[in-house]
C-alpha atoms as a PDB file:
ATOM      1  CA  MET A   1     -48.125 -57.064  23.610  1.00  0.00           C
ATOM      2  CA  LYS A   2     -44.590 -56.979  22.722  1.00  0.00           C
ATOM      3  CA  LYS A   3     -42.143 -53.569  23.507  1.00  0.00           C
ATOM      4  CA  HIS A   4     -40.812 -51.961  20.911  1.00  0.00           C
ATOM      5  CA  THR A   5     -37.578 -50.126  20.402  1.00  0.00           C
ATOM      6  CA  ASN A   6     -39.224 -47.586  17.449  1.00  0.00           C
ATOM      7  CA  GLU A   7     -40.913 -44.171  19.389  1.00  0.00           C
ATOM      8  CA  ASN A   8     -42.163 -43.090  16.507  1.00  0.00           C
ATOM      9  CA  LEU A   9     -44.356 -46.565  16.110  1.00  0.00           C
ATOM     10  CA  LYS A  10     -48.152 -46.030  16.184  1.00  0.00           C
ATOM     11  CA  ASP A  11     -50.095 -48.848  17.799  1.00  0.00           C
ATOM     12  CA  ILE A  12     -53.141 -48.109  15.769  1.00  0.00           C
ATOM     13  CA  LEU A  13     -53.011 -45.783  12.467  1.00  0.00           C
ATOM     14  CA  ILE A  14     -56.612 -44.580  10.979  1.00  0.00           C
ATOM     15  CA  ILE A  15     -56.494 -43.654   7.091  1.00  0.00           C
ATOM     16  CA  GLY A  16     -59.916 -41.352   6.909  1.00  0.00           C
ATOM     17  CA  GLY A  17     -61.396 -38.690   9.286  1.00  0.00           C
ATOM     18  CA  GLY A  18     -64.972 -39.367   8.636  1.00  0.00           C
ATOM     19  CA  PRO A  19     -67.652 -41.204  10.842  1.00  0.00           C
ATOM     20  CA  ALA A  20     -65.887 -44.273  10.872  1.00  0.00           C
ATOM     21  CA  GLY A  21     -62.361 -42.901  11.460  1.00  0.00           C
ATOM     22  CA  LEU A  22     -63.200 -40.681  14.213  1.00  0.00           C
ATOM     23  CA  THR A  23     -65.375 -43.221  16.312  1.00  0.00           C
ATOM     24  CA  ALA A  24     -62.304 -45.967  15.554  1.00  0.00           C
ATOM     25  CA  GLY A  25     -60.063 -43.106  17.373  1.00  0.00           C
ATOM     26  CA  VAL A  26     -62.116 -42.659  19.987  1.00  0.00           C
ATOM     27  CA  TYR A  27     -62.134 -46.910  20.756  1.00  0.00           C
ATOM     28  CA  ALA A  28     -58.312 -46.821  20.350  1.00  0.00           C
ATOM     29  CA  ALA A  29     -57.595 -43.813  21.786  1.00  0.00           C
ATOM     30  CA  ARG A  30     -59.599 -44.895  25.561  1.00  0.00           C
ATOM     31  CA  ALA A  31     -57.812 -47.899  25.257  1.00  0.00           C
ATOM     32  CA  GLY A  32     -54.944 -46.244  25.620  1.00  0.00           C
ATOM     33  CA  MET A  33     -53.023 -46.751  22.184  1.00  0.00           C
ATOM     34  CA  LYS A  34     -50.781 -44.639  20.479  1.00  0.00           C
ATOM     35  CA  THR A  35     -53.214 -43.584  17.903  1.00  0.00           C
ATOM     36  CA  MET A  36     -52.850 -41.327  14.537  1.00  0.00           C
ATOM     37  CA  ILE A  37     -55.753 -40.550  12.163  1.00  0.00           C
ATOM     38  CA  LEU A  38     -54.890 -39.295   8.574  1.00  0.00           C
ATOM     39  CA  GLU A  39     -57.267 -37.275   6.596  1.00  0.00           C
ATOM     40  CA  LYS A  40     -56.412 -35.420   3.284  1.00  0.00           C
ATOM     41  CA  GLU A  41     -59.331 -33.127   3.980  1.00  0.00           C
ATOM     42  CA  ALA A  42     -61.638 -31.624   6.791  1.00  0.00           C
ATOM     43  CA  PRO A  43     -62.489 -33.842   9.472  1.00  0.00           C
ATOM     44  CA  GLY A  44     -65.681 -35.398   9.197  1.00  0.00           C
ATOM     45  CA  GLY A  45     -65.887 -37.164   5.987  1.00  0.00           C
ATOM     46  CA  LYS A  46     -69.199 -36.277   4.079  1.00  0.00           C
ATOM     47  CA  MET A  47     -70.525 -34.880   7.260  1.00  0.00           C
ATOM     48  CA  VAL A  48     -69.109 -31.711   6.299  1.00  0.00           C
ATOM     49  CA  LYS A  49     -70.782 -31.233   3.574  1.00  0.00           C
ATOM     50  CA  THR A  50     -74.498 -32.061   5.014  1.00  0.00           C
ATOM     51  CA  ASP A  51     -76.595 -29.266   5.831  1.00  0.00           C
ATOM     52  CA  THR A  52     -78.915 -31.258   8.216  1.00  0.00           C
ATOM     53  CA  ILE A  53     -78.853 -34.607   9.695  1.00  0.00           C
ATOM     54  CA  GLU A  54     -82.044 -36.199  11.484  1.00  0.00           C
ATOM     55  CA  ASN A  55     -81.470 -39.628  11.663  1.00  0.00           C
ATOM     56  CA  TYR A  56     -78.036 -40.104  13.684  1.00  0.00           C
ATOM     57  CA  PRO A  57     -79.175 -41.085  17.658  1.00  0.00           C
ATOM     58  CA  GLY A  58     -79.033 -38.718  20.250  1.00  0.00           C
ATOM     59  CA  PHE A  59     -80.378 -35.439  17.952  1.00  0.00           C
ATOM     60  CA  ASP A  60     -83.511 -35.115  16.883  1.00  0.00           C
ATOM     61  CA  SER A  61     -81.958 -32.522  14.138  1.00  0.00           C
ATOM     62  CA  ILE A  62     -77.969 -31.317  13.833  1.00  0.00           C
ATOM     63  CA  LYS A  63     -75.793 -29.713  11.098  1.00  0.00           C
ATOM     64  CA  GLY A  64     -73.497 -31.934   9.514  1.00  0.00           C
ATOM     65  CA  PRO A  65     -70.179 -29.697  10.324  1.00  0.00           C
ATOM     66  CA  ASP A  66     -71.673 -29.469  13.723  1.00  0.00           C
ATOM     67  CA  LEU A  67     -71.426 -33.181  14.459  1.00  0.00           C
ATOM     68  CA  ALA A  68     -67.804 -33.546  12.504  1.00  0.00           C
ATOM     69  CA  LEU A  69     -66.724 -30.995  15.012  1.00  0.00           C
ATOM     70  CA  LYS A  70     -68.080 -33.021  18.121  1.00  0.00           C
ATOM     71  CA  MET A  71     -66.861 -36.125  17.041  1.00  0.00           C
ATOM     72  CA  TYR A  72     -63.116 -34.528  15.918  1.00  0.00           C
ATOM     73  CA  MET A  73     -63.418 -32.665  19.106  1.00  0.00           C
ATOM     74  CA  GLN A  74     -63.832 -35.764  21.364  1.00  0.00           C
ATOM     75  CA  VAL A  75     -61.109 -37.872  19.554  1.00  0.00           C
ATOM     76  CA  ILE A  76     -58.831 -35.116  19.809  1.00  0.00           C
ATOM     77  CA  ASN A  77     -59.527 -34.387  23.632  1.00  0.00           C
ATOM     78  CA  LEU A  78     -59.064 -38.152  24.189  1.00  0.00           C
ATOM     79  CA  GLY A  79     -55.209 -37.876  22.842  1.00  0.00           C
ATOM     80  CA  ALA A  80     -55.398 -39.139  19.376  1.00  0.00           C
ATOM     81  CA  GLU A  81     -52.950 -37.672  16.738  1.00  0.00           C
ATOM     82  CA  PHE A  82     -54.739 -35.814  13.421  1.00  0.00           C
ATOM     83  CA  VAL A  83     -52.474 -35.416  10.704  1.00  0.00           C
ATOM     84  CA  TYR A  84     -53.928 -33.715   7.615  1.00  0.00           C
ATOM     85  CA  ASP A  85     -52.183 -35.882   4.691  1.00  0.00           C
ATOM     86  CA  GLU A  86     -53.293 -38.303   2.014  1.00  0.00           C
ATOM     87  CA  VAL A  87     -51.434 -42.035   2.016  1.00  0.00           C
ATOM     88  CA  ILE A  88     -50.428 -43.419  -1.141  1.00  0.00           C
ATOM     89  CA  GLU A  89     -49.204 -46.736  -0.422  1.00  0.00           C
ATOM     90  CA  ILE A  90     -48.929 -49.187   2.204  1.00  0.00           C
ATOM     91  CA  VAL A  91     -46.369 -51.968   2.480  1.00  0.00           C
ATOM     92  CA  LYS A  92     -46.735 -54.914   5.167  1.00  0.00           C
ATOM     93  CA  HIS A  93     -43.322 -55.689   6.586  1.00  0.00           C
ATOM     94  CA  LYS A  94     -43.568 -58.674   9.070  1.00  0.00           C
ATOM     95  CA  GLU A  95     -45.554 -57.603  11.573  1.00  0.00           C
ATOM     96  CA  THR A  96     -46.277 -53.604  10.866  1.00  0.00           C
ATOM     97  CA  PHE A  97     -47.289 -51.619   8.212  1.00  0.00           C
ATOM     98  CA  ILE A  98     -45.122 -49.337   6.114  1.00  0.00           C
ATOM     99  CA  VAL A  99     -47.542 -46.000   5.384  1.00  0.00           C
ATOM    100  CA  THR A 100     -45.802 -43.407   2.885  1.00  0.00           C
ATOM    101  CA  THR A 101     -48.062 -40.093   2.616  1.00  0.00           C
ATOM    102  CA  ARG A 102     -48.472 -37.457  -0.473  1.00  0.00           C
ATOM    103  CA  ASN A 103     -46.452 -35.049   1.509  1.00  0.00           C
ATOM    104  CA  GLY A 104     -43.520 -37.037   2.302  1.00  0.00           C
ATOM    105  CA  GLN A 105     -44.187 -38.783   5.498  1.00  0.00           C
ATOM    106  CA  THR A 106     -43.578 -42.724   6.078  1.00  0.00           C
ATOM    107  CA  ILE A 107     -45.481 -43.980   9.224  1.00  0.00           C
ATOM    108  CA  GLU A 108     -44.790 -47.300  10.799  1.00  0.00           C
ATOM    109  CA  SER A 109     -47.826 -48.968  12.970  1.00  0.00           C
ATOM    110  CA  LEU A 110     -48.766 -52.237  14.404  1.00  0.00           C
ATOM    111  CA  SER A 111     -52.302 -51.972  12.662  1.00  0.00           C
ATOM    112  CA  VAL A 112     -54.112 -49.981  10.267  1.00  0.00           C
ATOM    113  CA  ILE A 113     -57.853 -49.303  10.079  1.00  0.00           C
ATOM    114  CA  VAL A 114     -59.252 -48.275   6.449  1.00  0.00           C
ATOM    115  CA  ALA A 115     -61.799 -45.710   6.743  1.00  0.00           C
ATOM    116  CA  THR A 116     -61.376 -43.708   3.316  1.00  0.00           C
ATOM    117  CA  GLY A 117     -65.226 -43.921   2.230  1.00  0.00           C
ATOM    118  CA  THR A 118     -65.928 -42.977  -1.343  1.00  0.00           C
ATOM    119  CA  LEU A 119     -65.779 -40.541  -4.035  1.00  0.00           C
ATOM    120  CA  GLU A 120     -69.091 -39.183  -6.031  1.00  0.00           C
ATOM    121  CA  ASN A 121     -69.611 -40.561  -8.982  1.00  0.00           C
ATOM    122  CA  LYS A 122     -69.346 -37.966 -12.069  1.00  0.00           C
ATOM    123  CA  LEU A 123     -72.142 -38.272 -14.658  1.00  0.00           C
ATOM    124  CA  GLY A 124     -69.645 -38.555 -17.693  1.00  0.00           C
ATOM    125  CA  ILE A 125     -71.332 -36.148 -20.088  1.00  0.00           C
ATOM    126  CA  PRO A 126     -70.309 -33.372 -21.968  1.00  0.00           C
ATOM    127  CA  GLY A 127     -69.728 -29.929 -20.408  1.00  0.00           C
ATOM    128  CA  GLU A 128     -69.487 -31.657 -16.958  1.00  0.00           C
ATOM    129  CA  ASP A 129     -65.667 -31.053 -16.375  1.00  0.00           C
ATOM    130  CA  GLN A 130     -65.545 -27.773 -18.394  1.00  0.00           C
ATOM    131  CA  LEU A 131     -68.012 -26.266 -16.108  1.00  0.00           C
ATOM    132  CA  TYR A 132     -66.928 -27.802 -12.740  1.00  0.00           C
ATOM    133  CA  GLY A 133     -66.506 -24.819 -10.341  1.00  0.00           C
ATOM    134  CA  LYS A 134     -68.755 -22.500 -12.525  1.00  0.00           C
ATOM    135  CA  GLY A 135     -72.040 -24.303 -11.814  1.00  0.00           C
ATOM    136  CA  VAL A 136     -71.302 -27.982 -11.833  1.00  0.00           C
ATOM    137  CA  SER A 137     -70.821 -29.285  -7.834  1.00  0.00           C
ATOM    138  CA  TYR A 138     -71.312 -32.297  -6.365  1.00  0.00           C
ATOM    139  CA  CYS A 139     -71.457 -30.150  -2.771  1.00  0.00           C
ATOM    140  CA  ALA A 140     -74.696 -28.173  -2.544  1.00  0.00           C
ATOM    141  CA  VAL A 141     -74.137 -27.011   0.922  1.00  0.00           C
ATOM    142  CA  CYS A 142     -70.878 -25.933  -0.422  1.00  0.00           C
ATOM    143  CA  ASP A 143     -72.226 -24.220  -3.400  1.00  0.00           C
ATOM    144  CA  GLY A 144     -76.269 -23.945  -3.071  1.00  0.00           C
ATOM    145  CA  ALA A 145     -76.146 -20.376  -1.799  1.00  0.00           C
ATOM    146  CA  PHE A 146     -74.576 -19.084  -5.344  1.00  0.00           C
ATOM    147  CA  HIS A 147     -77.530 -20.143  -6.763  1.00  0.00           C
ATOM    148  CA  LYS A 148     -79.986 -18.029  -4.835  1.00  0.00           C
ATOM    149  CA  GLY A 149     -83.121 -16.905  -7.121  1.00  0.00           C
ATOM    150  CA  ASN A 150     -82.198 -19.007  -9.807  1.00  0.00           C
ATOM    151  CA  PRO A 151     -83.014 -22.484 -11.018  1.00  0.00           C
ATOM    152  CA  VAL A 152     -80.868 -25.361 -10.845  1.00  0.00           C
ATOM    153  CA  ALA A 153     -80.869 -29.502 -11.688  1.00  0.00           C
ATOM    154  CA  ILE A 154     -79.805 -31.942  -8.923  1.00  0.00           C
ATOM    155  CA  VAL A 155     -79.393 -35.576 -10.514  1.00  0.00           C
ATOM    156  CA  GLY A 156     -80.480 -39.186  -8.647  1.00  0.00           C
ATOM    157  CA  GLY A 157     -83.105 -40.733  -6.482  1.00  0.00           C
ATOM    158  CA  GLY A 158     -81.111 -42.007  -3.306  1.00  0.00           C
ATOM    159  CA  TYR A 159     -80.576 -40.579  -0.168  1.00  0.00           C
ATOM    160  CA  SER A 160     -78.221 -37.678  -1.165  1.00  0.00           C
ATOM    161  CA  ALA A 161     -79.880 -36.499  -3.825  1.00  0.00           C
ATOM    162  CA  VAL A 162     -83.017 -35.863  -2.044  1.00  0.00           C
ATOM    163  CA  GLU A 163     -81.815 -34.532   1.211  1.00  0.00           C
ATOM    164  CA  GLU A 164     -79.373 -32.459  -0.786  1.00  0.00           C
ATOM    165  CA  GLY A 165     -82.278 -31.141  -3.054  1.00  0.00           C
ATOM    166  CA  ILE A 166     -84.265 -30.160   0.398  1.00  0.00           C
ATOM    167  CA  TYR A 167     -81.060 -28.082   1.296  1.00  0.00           C
ATOM    168  CA  LEU A 168     -80.979 -26.511  -2.470  1.00  0.00           C
ATOM    169  CA  SER A 169     -84.688 -25.826  -2.281  1.00  0.00           C
ATOM    170  CA  LYS A 170     -84.241 -22.936   0.187  1.00  0.00           C
ATOM    171  CA  PHE A 171     -82.301 -20.796  -2.042  1.00  0.00           C
ATOM    172  CA  VAL A 172     -83.193 -21.595  -5.606  1.00  0.00           C
ATOM    173  CA  SER A 173     -85.970 -20.307  -7.494  1.00  0.00           C
ATOM    174  CA  LYS A 174     -86.723 -23.671  -8.693  1.00  0.00           C
ATOM    175  CA  LEU A 175     -85.235 -27.130  -8.227  1.00  0.00           C
ATOM    176  CA  TYR A 176     -85.783 -29.702 -11.037  1.00  0.00           C
ATOM    177  CA  VAL A 177     -85.092 -33.227  -9.671  1.00  0.00           C
ATOM    178  CA  VAL A 178     -83.882 -35.677 -12.467  1.00  0.00           C
ATOM    179  CA  VAL A 179     -84.479 -39.285 -11.682  1.00  0.00           C
ATOM    180  CA  ARG A 180     -83.507 -42.072 -14.443  1.00  0.00           C
ATOM    181  CA  LYS A 181     -85.907 -44.650 -12.963  1.00  0.00           C
ATOM    182  CA  ASP A 182     -89.561 -43.716 -11.816  1.00  0.00           C
ATOM    183  CA  HIS A 183     -89.435 -43.797  -8.214  1.00  0.00           C
ATOM    184  CA  PHE A 184     -87.049 -42.945  -5.173  1.00  0.00           C
ATOM    185  CA  ARG A 185     -84.847 -45.134  -3.064  1.00  0.00           C
ATOM    186  CA  VAL A 186     -85.608 -43.551   0.142  1.00  0.00           C
ATOM    187  CA  ASP A 187     -87.830 -44.035   2.917  1.00  0.00           C
ATOM    188  CA  ALA A 188     -91.369 -42.140   3.145  1.00  0.00           C
ATOM    189  CA  VAL A 189     -90.577 -39.356   5.431  1.00  0.00           C
ATOM    190  CA  THR A 190     -87.688 -38.359   4.001  1.00  0.00           C
ATOM    191  CA  LEU A 191     -89.189 -38.501   0.458  1.00  0.00           C
ATOM    192  CA  SER A 192     -92.456 -36.557   1.471  1.00  0.00           C
ATOM    193  CA  LYS A 193     -90.372 -33.377   2.794  1.00  0.00           C
ATOM    194  CA  LEU A 194     -89.172 -33.195  -0.964  1.00  0.00           C
ATOM    195  CA  GLU A 195     -92.335 -33.531  -2.263  1.00  0.00           C
ATOM    196  CA  GLN A 196     -94.144 -31.049  -0.397  1.00  0.00           C
ATOM    197  CA  LEU A 197     -92.266 -27.782  -1.403  1.00  0.00           C
ATOM    198  CA  ASP A 198     -93.648 -25.636  -3.982  1.00  0.00           C
ATOM    199  CA  ASN A 199     -90.781 -24.895  -5.815  1.00  0.00           C
ATOM    200  CA  VAL A 200     -89.664 -28.392  -6.638  1.00  0.00           C
ATOM    201  CA  GLU A 201     -90.617 -30.212 -10.234  1.00  0.00           C
ATOM    202  CA  PHE A 202     -89.814 -34.082 -10.368  1.00  0.00           C
ATOM    203  CA  VAL A 203     -88.087 -34.733 -14.124  1.00  0.00           C
ATOM    204  CA  MET A 204     -88.577 -39.108 -13.439  1.00  0.00           C
ATOM    205  CA  ASN A 205     -87.530 -41.666 -16.415  1.00  0.00           C
ATOM    206  CA  SER A 206     -85.191 -39.033 -17.770  1.00  0.00           C
ATOM    207  CA  ILE A 207     -81.006 -38.412 -17.406  1.00  0.00           C
ATOM    208  CA  VAL A 208     -79.134 -35.148 -18.038  1.00  0.00           C
ATOM    209  CA  LYS A 209     -77.209 -35.520 -21.686  1.00  0.00           C
ATOM    210  CA  LYS A 210     -75.456 -32.249 -21.728  1.00  0.00           C
ATOM    211  CA  VAL A 211     -74.234 -28.888 -19.787  1.00  0.00           C
ATOM    212  CA  ASN A 212     -74.666 -25.950 -21.433  1.00  0.00           C
ATOM    213  CA  GLY A 213     -72.613 -22.940 -21.213  1.00  0.00           C
ATOM    214  CA  THR A 214     -69.017 -21.354 -21.458  1.00  0.00           C
ATOM    215  CA  ASP A 215     -67.904 -19.320 -18.425  1.00  0.00           C
ATOM    216  CA  LYS A 216     -70.855 -20.889 -16.512  1.00  0.00           C
ATOM    217  CA  VAL A 217     -73.539 -23.141 -16.381  1.00  0.00           C
ATOM    218  CA  GLU A 218     -76.432 -22.013 -18.671  1.00  0.00           C
ATOM    219  CA  SER A 219     -78.706 -24.775 -18.962  1.00  0.00           C
ATOM    220  CA  VAL A 220     -78.731 -28.523 -19.437  1.00  0.00           C
ATOM    221  CA  GLU A 221     -80.302 -31.070 -21.909  1.00  0.00           C
ATOM    222  CA  ILE A 222     -82.434 -33.432 -20.629  1.00  0.00           C
ATOM    223  CA  GLU A 223     -83.881 -36.901 -22.185  1.00  0.00           C
ATOM    224  CA  ASN A 224     -87.066 -39.137 -21.697  1.00  0.00           C
ATOM    225  CA  LEU A 225     -85.797 -42.244 -21.566  1.00  0.00           C
ATOM    226  CA  VAL A 226     -89.430 -43.675 -22.599  1.00  0.00           C
ATOM    227  CA  SER A 227     -90.180 -40.827 -24.769  1.00  0.00           C
ATOM    228  CA  LYS A 228     -86.549 -40.034 -25.969  1.00  0.00           C
ATOM    229  CA  GLU A 229     -87.536 -36.286 -26.041  1.00  0.00           C
ATOM    230  CA  ILE A 230     -84.979 -34.040 -25.310  1.00  0.00           C
ATOM    231  CA  LYS A 231     -85.564 -30.562 -23.768  1.00  0.00           C
ATOM    232  CA  THR A 232     -83.397 -28.046 -23.042  1.00  0.00           C
ATOM    233  CA  VAL A 233     -83.896 -26.496 -19.284  1.00  0.00           C
ATOM    234  CA  PRO A 234     -82.290 -23.117 -18.401  1.00  0.00           C
ATOM    235  CA  VAL A 235     -80.521 -23.252 -15.161  1.00  0.00           C
ATOM    236  CA  THR A 236     -77.453 -21.904 -13.399  1.00  0.00           C
ATOM    237  CA  GLY A 237     -76.189 -25.107 -11.569  1.00  0.00           C
ATOM    238  CA  LEU A 238     -76.333 -28.969 -11.842  1.00  0.00           C
ATOM    239  CA  PHE A 239     -75.577 -30.956  -8.884  1.00  0.00           C
ATOM    240  CA  PRO A 240     -74.804 -34.917  -9.552  1.00  0.00           C
ATOM    241  CA  TYR A 241     -75.472 -37.353  -6.861  1.00  0.00           C
ATOM    242  CA  ILE A 242     -75.324 -40.479  -8.521  1.00  0.00           C
ATOM    243  CA  GLY A 243     -73.921 -42.578  -6.423  1.00  0.00           C
ATOM    244  CA  ALA A 244     -69.783 -42.683  -5.120  1.00  0.00           C
ATOM    245  CA  THR A 245     -66.881 -45.124  -5.577  1.00  0.00           C
ATOM    246  CA  PRO A 246     -64.768 -46.068  -2.880  1.00  0.00           C
ATOM    247  CA  VAL A 247     -61.445 -44.855  -2.292  1.00  0.00           C
ATOM    248  CA  THR A 248     -59.067 -47.704  -2.645  1.00  0.00           C
ATOM    249  CA  GLN A 249     -56.388 -46.718  -4.645  1.00  0.00           C
ATOM    250  CA  PHE A 250     -53.397 -46.627  -2.511  1.00  0.00           C
ATOM    251  CA  LEU A 251     -54.112 -50.199  -1.500  1.00  0.00           C
ATOM    252  CA  GLU A 252     -53.777 -51.833  -4.806  1.00  0.00           C
ATOM    253  CA  ASN A 253     -50.316 -53.722  -3.914  1.00  0.00           C
ATOM    254  CA  LEU A 254     -52.124 -55.462  -0.901  1.00  0.00           C
ATOM    255  CA  ASN A 255     -54.698 -57.611  -2.938  1.00  0.00           C
ATOM    256  CA  LEU A 256     -57.284 -57.061  -0.507  1.00  0.00           C
ATOM    257  CA  ASN A 257     -60.463 -58.911  -0.644  1.00  0.00           C
ATOM    258  CA  LYS A 258     -63.087 -56.932  -2.745  1.00  0.00           C
ATOM    259  CA  SER A 259     -66.763 -56.717  -4.045  1.00  0.00           C
ATOM    260  CA  GLU A 260     -67.435 -54.300  -7.023  1.00  0.00           C
ATOM    261  CA  GLY A 261     -64.352 -52.275  -5.733  1.00  0.00           C
ATOM    262  CA  TYR A 262     -65.774 -52.326  -2.102  1.00  0.00           C
ATOM    263  CA  LEU A 263     -63.348 -53.545   0.550  1.00  0.00           C
ATOM    264  CA  LYS A 264     -64.466 -56.943   1.725  1.00  0.00           C
ATOM    265  CA  GLY A 265     -64.213 -58.061   5.709  1.00  0.00           C
ATOM    266  CA  ASP A 266     -65.528 -60.511   8.323  1.00  0.00           C
ATOM    267  CA  ALA A 267     -67.885 -60.148  10.711  1.00  0.00           C
ATOM    268  CA  LYS A 268     -65.445 -58.411  12.905  1.00  0.00           C
ATOM    269  CA  LEU A 269     -64.077 -55.907  10.153  1.00  0.00           C
ATOM    270  CA  LYS A 270     -60.441 -57.990   9.796  1.00  0.00           C
ATOM    271  CA  SER A 271     -59.446 -57.933   6.164  1.00  0.00           C
ATOM    272  CA  ASN A 272     -57.689 -60.841   4.231  1.00  0.00           C
ATOM    273  CA  ILE A 273     -54.541 -59.228   5.608  1.00  0.00           C
ATOM    274  CA  LYS A 274     -53.787 -59.653   9.373  1.00  0.00           C
ATOM    275  CA  GLY A 275     -53.815 -56.471  11.166  1.00  0.00           C
ATOM    276  CA  LEU A 276     -55.636 -54.407   9.024  1.00  0.00           C
ATOM    277  CA  PHE A 277     -59.016 -53.516   9.514  1.00  0.00           C
ATOM    278  CA  ILE A 278     -61.838 -51.827   7.445  1.00  0.00           C
ATOM    279  CA  ALA A 279     -64.570 -49.619   8.259  1.00  0.00           C
ATOM    280  CA  GLY A 280     -67.680 -47.133   6.982  1.00  0.00           C
ATOM    281  CA  ASP A 281     -68.558 -46.339   3.262  1.00  0.00           C
ATOM    282  CA  VAL A 282     -65.446 -48.042   2.016  1.00  0.00           C
ATOM    283  CA  ARG A 283     -66.535 -51.210   3.020  1.00  0.00           C
ATOM    284  CA  GLU A 284     -68.806 -53.661   1.043  1.00  0.00           C
ATOM    285  CA  VAL A 285     -72.696 -52.817   3.355  1.00  0.00           C
ATOM    286  CA  PRO A 286     -75.964 -52.830   2.219  1.00  0.00           C
ATOM    287  CA  LEU A 287     -76.713 -49.240   3.575  1.00  0.00           C
ATOM    288  CA  ARG A 288     -73.981 -46.313   3.928  1.00  0.00           C
ATOM    289  CA  GLN A 289     -75.595 -43.936   6.568  1.00  0.00           C
ATOM    290  CA  ILE A 290     -73.575 -41.983   9.359  1.00  0.00           C
ATOM    291  CA  ALA A 291     -74.801 -44.320  12.174  1.00  0.00           C
ATOM    292  CA  ILE A 292     -73.648 -47.280  10.659  1.00  0.00           C
ATOM    293  CA  ALA A 293     -70.118 -45.653   9.809  1.00  0.00           C
ATOM    294  CA  ALA A 294     -69.956 -45.235  13.277  1.00  0.00           C
ATOM    295  CA  GLY A 295     -70.645 -48.353  14.459  1.00  0.00           C
ATOM    296  CA  ASP A 296     -68.227 -50.095  11.895  1.00  0.00           C
ATOM    297  CA  GLY A 297     -65.512 -47.322  13.562  1.00  0.00           C
ATOM    298  CA  ALA A 298     -66.884 -48.730  17.043  1.00  0.00           C
ATOM    299  CA  LEU A 299     -66.085 -52.624  16.476  1.00  0.00           C
ATOM    300  CA  ALA A 300     -63.086 -51.661  13.945  1.00  0.00           C
ATOM    301  CA  GLY A 301     -61.431 -49.641  16.758  1.00  0.00           C
ATOM    302  CA  GLN A 302     -62.128 -52.458  19.120  1.00  0.00           C
ATOM    303  CA  MET A 303     -60.765 -54.925  16.984  1.00  0.00           C
ATOM    304  CA  ALA A 304     -57.662 -53.381  16.490  1.00  0.00           C
ATOM    305  CA  VAL A 305     -57.164 -52.670  20.044  1.00  0.00           C
ATOM    306  CA  ASN A 306     -57.566 -56.383  20.852  1.00  0.00           C
ATOM    307  CA  TYR A 307     -55.127 -57.229  17.808  1.00  0.00           C
ATOM    308  CA  VAL A 308     -52.384 -55.156  19.010  1.00  0.00           C
ATOM    309  CA  GLN A 309     -52.695 -56.171  22.978  1.00  0.00           C
ATOM    310  CA  GLU A 310     -52.334 -59.856  21.697  1.00  0.00           C
ATOM    311  CA  LEU A 311     -48.831 -59.319  19.564  1.00  0.00           C
END
């Protein structure tokens, strides 16, 4: 490893402070690397917005924010620097990366790990944007309690929809689960927890066409894709969980290899640009879970350590 005169030069810069980024930080910091983690929101990524996690090794059940805090404190105690900021551009300059942030920082690093995760997709229907924050929400943990004693609708057939639906059921009088297909995309154990709830109604083969309301959500219009029947259902909240889009806009000038927007890497999580590694939900991977993201972070962190040591 070469000696550099720039005292501000980072060995490993990690973009994203979710489970992948925090785990990468643990491995980088333990190896004695000058490590910085950049995160524009709260540390923990989607863990912070998840009520209960029951499939992370070592915990039968743990609150998402609690697991996020444990990961954050571990990496901080190891000496990693955690900075709240958003990356807007990365430029490769010889053997270093020059990173520009929203707050005007310029950071130079020998290597970069991209662990920026994904953003929730919108339904793209009338009323969704206008009533965002007025009943339309993409975070049940954040806003579920506002609907105590009232009916709400959740859209989606994957893990996020089912898990957040279970959480919402604790507060609401009625939970309509709207699924485009005739089946869910989750394991039987997880689904059974939703199926056994008395205040849940499944609306299969259906989509939400419109959100109604002026100052707040008053109802949604649901279309059955088989019968073409449209019915108006009174609700105070709508929670879409219909997938997500990888956060990669700041990487456009690097021409990284992608598949349907997700970053592609080899078995060692190397991208097609030397010194840049990828980890977590932003990566092309068949399943997106906290345990998988953490595993990615461990591997990417160690590979970045090896890369820097060999310079």
